[in-house]
Structures are given as structure tokens and as C-alpha cells.
């Protein structure tokens, strides 16, 4: 009795066995839908059955984004998911991640296999993508000549630019041989020398769009030298052609929008470029004019004539300054001379003599300015303004100081 396990332990053990089985973690199961219930939580609970058995299934709310139709009783579907054990009930069930209506499941598997193969070969790499021309003249179109996709492309392209040339290669876009005609159309338009090629058709089921999932079309797009815009189906439809092409458009109408520039925007941009160019040119012209003016001034300044004029003007200014300085000096000296003259006149004996004074010299010709310079009986010379008087001293009278 030592090897006794609880129910939970056994269920966990079995669950781990399911988890470790690679085949059960990514398996397609085909069957008829029964007991289908949409829970308020968003989960879908249903049963898949055939004539000999049945299996419980659940699709959680988080996986429902991949469900493109309403799951109903009696539908034949193919469910992709993992088989595991629900521990509480001890039952295994399918946890569905994707559900396809029967008939498309095999195609979906082929789609995934080809997608993986081409991706590993590098056909989806961004380094191989070519830029879509901004201003094309010729647009090639590979699609059915009677489809709505062609009319959408023509209407939008004509509205956006009535001068652009549209060249159609009428291809079969559905059924046997469609992929070959699409590839042929790509090759022929590539050799014709168009600027851009639009490859596409309207929406539909995976069977309707299958031609654009064929390897021949993928390789034709990859080897094409002309940029290609894929426009297959509606926005939710994604084909192999979308991955290989240089640009994917969600619809044919969107492809026309991407391929054909609006001529009104072109004119607007040209006017804006023209204004910007004029502004730049005017700015450069003004700058060059300013530079020329500066150079002209420098040239005039450096010219001999200008230098001679400048030196001449400088000499004139210096001459005027010198004259002014000389005049000031002369006036100053004259003023000083007048002062000296006044002083000399004040000191001159003649001026004194003119005022009634006389110069007395003794017999030794020395000025007599005191009584002790002469003696009684000595002859003295008295100088006046017009001559000399010789006299004899008869008396010396000394003044008393007050």
C-alpha cells in the first residue's frame, strides 16, 4: 500500500505527460461542432465529434480575436490548439487557439509552411524592399479586368492625378492557373518599364485569395525590379504576397492612394518649394550684396586714389592744425611780450625821467641813491630826458624818517 496516489496527483501526472508531448501541443483536429455555448466571460465551450467519437473543447476569450465567424452547431471545422487535462474533472480537452471552417484548414497549414520557408530564405527581409516612387508616370496593374478592385484603382488614381498612365495586365485572380497568370503579368509589366506595379484583388475567403499565397507569385514579386504594392482583399486579409511585396496596402483603393500622388498636393508642395527657394535665394543675394559692399569699401580704401585723397585730407587737416597752433603760439608770445614791455617800461630809467625823475651819477659814475655816495664840493652828472647837467654839490641835507 506504499504506492498509493491521490486523484489530484494522478491528474497532474497525466497532465505533465500531455504537456511534454509536442504533437499534442500544436495539433489540428477536424470535427463537427456540437454543444456550442458562448459564456458570459467570453469563453466558448463546445464539442468536436465525428461518427465514432467526441472531444470537449474550449476557446478562451483571449484567443477569440482569431475567430472570423460565428461558431454554430453542426459546422464542420478544423481547430488548432493543444490537448491537455482539466484537473478538476480528470478529463482531457482541446484548448483551441484558432478555428477554421473545414476546407480552409489544409490551406492554412500550407500557408504557414510556405510562409516559414520563404521567410527563412529571406524573401520577407526589409533589406530587399524597394522604395515606392514619389512621382510616377506609369502605374502597372495586375488584377481581373472585370473586378471591383480595378474600378476602385482607376477611380482613385484618376481623381488624384488625371495625367498618370495606367497599364492593366488582365490576370485571373481566382481558381486553377490564377497564380501563373499573376506571375506572368508581373514579369511583363516589369519588362515594360512602369514605375510602380499594383498587384491585388478584392476580399474573399482563403480559398478565393489562394492564388496570392502561391510560391510562383511570391518569387515573381521578389525578383521584380519594379517596386510592387500588394493590395489583396480587405484589411484583415494577409497573404504571402503581402509579406514579399515592397509595400502592403490593406485594400486596392488604399494601394491607389499610396501609388499615385495627389496632383493638388504636388502643386502645393511646388509652390511651397518655390517660395522657400525664393526666400533662400533672396537671403543669399542680400548676403552677397552685403559682402560685395564690404569688399568694395575695402577696395576703395586700398586704392591709390583713395589713399592719396586721404593723405591729402590728412595734410590739409595737419596744416590747419599747425596754422592754428602757430597762431595760438604767436598770440601767446605776443601777449607775453606785451607783458614784458610793460614791465620793461616800468623799469626803464627813461620812463622815470619822463615823469620828472633824474639819474644822478657821482664822479665815479656810480648811481647816487644815498647821501653817503657823494661829498660836498664833488661834481655830479644829472641825466634828464634830453641830456646831462653837470653840477657841484654844495650841501647834503638828510631827511628824518617818520
Foldseek 3Di string as FASTA:
>chain_A
DVPDDDLLVVQVVQQVVQVPDPDQFWDKDKFFWDPWDQDPQRKIWTWGDDPPDIFTEIEHNVLCVQEPDDDDGGFIKIFTGHWGADSVVRGIHGHGNHIGGPPCPVVVVVLVVVLVVVVVVPLLPLVLFDDADPAWQEEEEEEAPPAPLVVLLVVLQCQQPVRHHYHYQHADQADPPRLVRSLVSLVVVLVVDGQEYEYEGEADDCRSRVSQQDPSNLVSQSPRPHQYEYAYYAQPDDHSNCSNGNHYDRHSNRVSPVNHHRVVVVVVVVVVVVVVVVVVVVVVVVVVVVVVVVVVVVCCCPDPVNVVVVVVVVVVVVVVVVVVVVVVVVVVVVVVVVVVVVVCCVVPVQNVLVVVDWFKAWPVRDTPPDPVRDDAQTWIWIDHNPGIDIDGHHDDDDDDDD
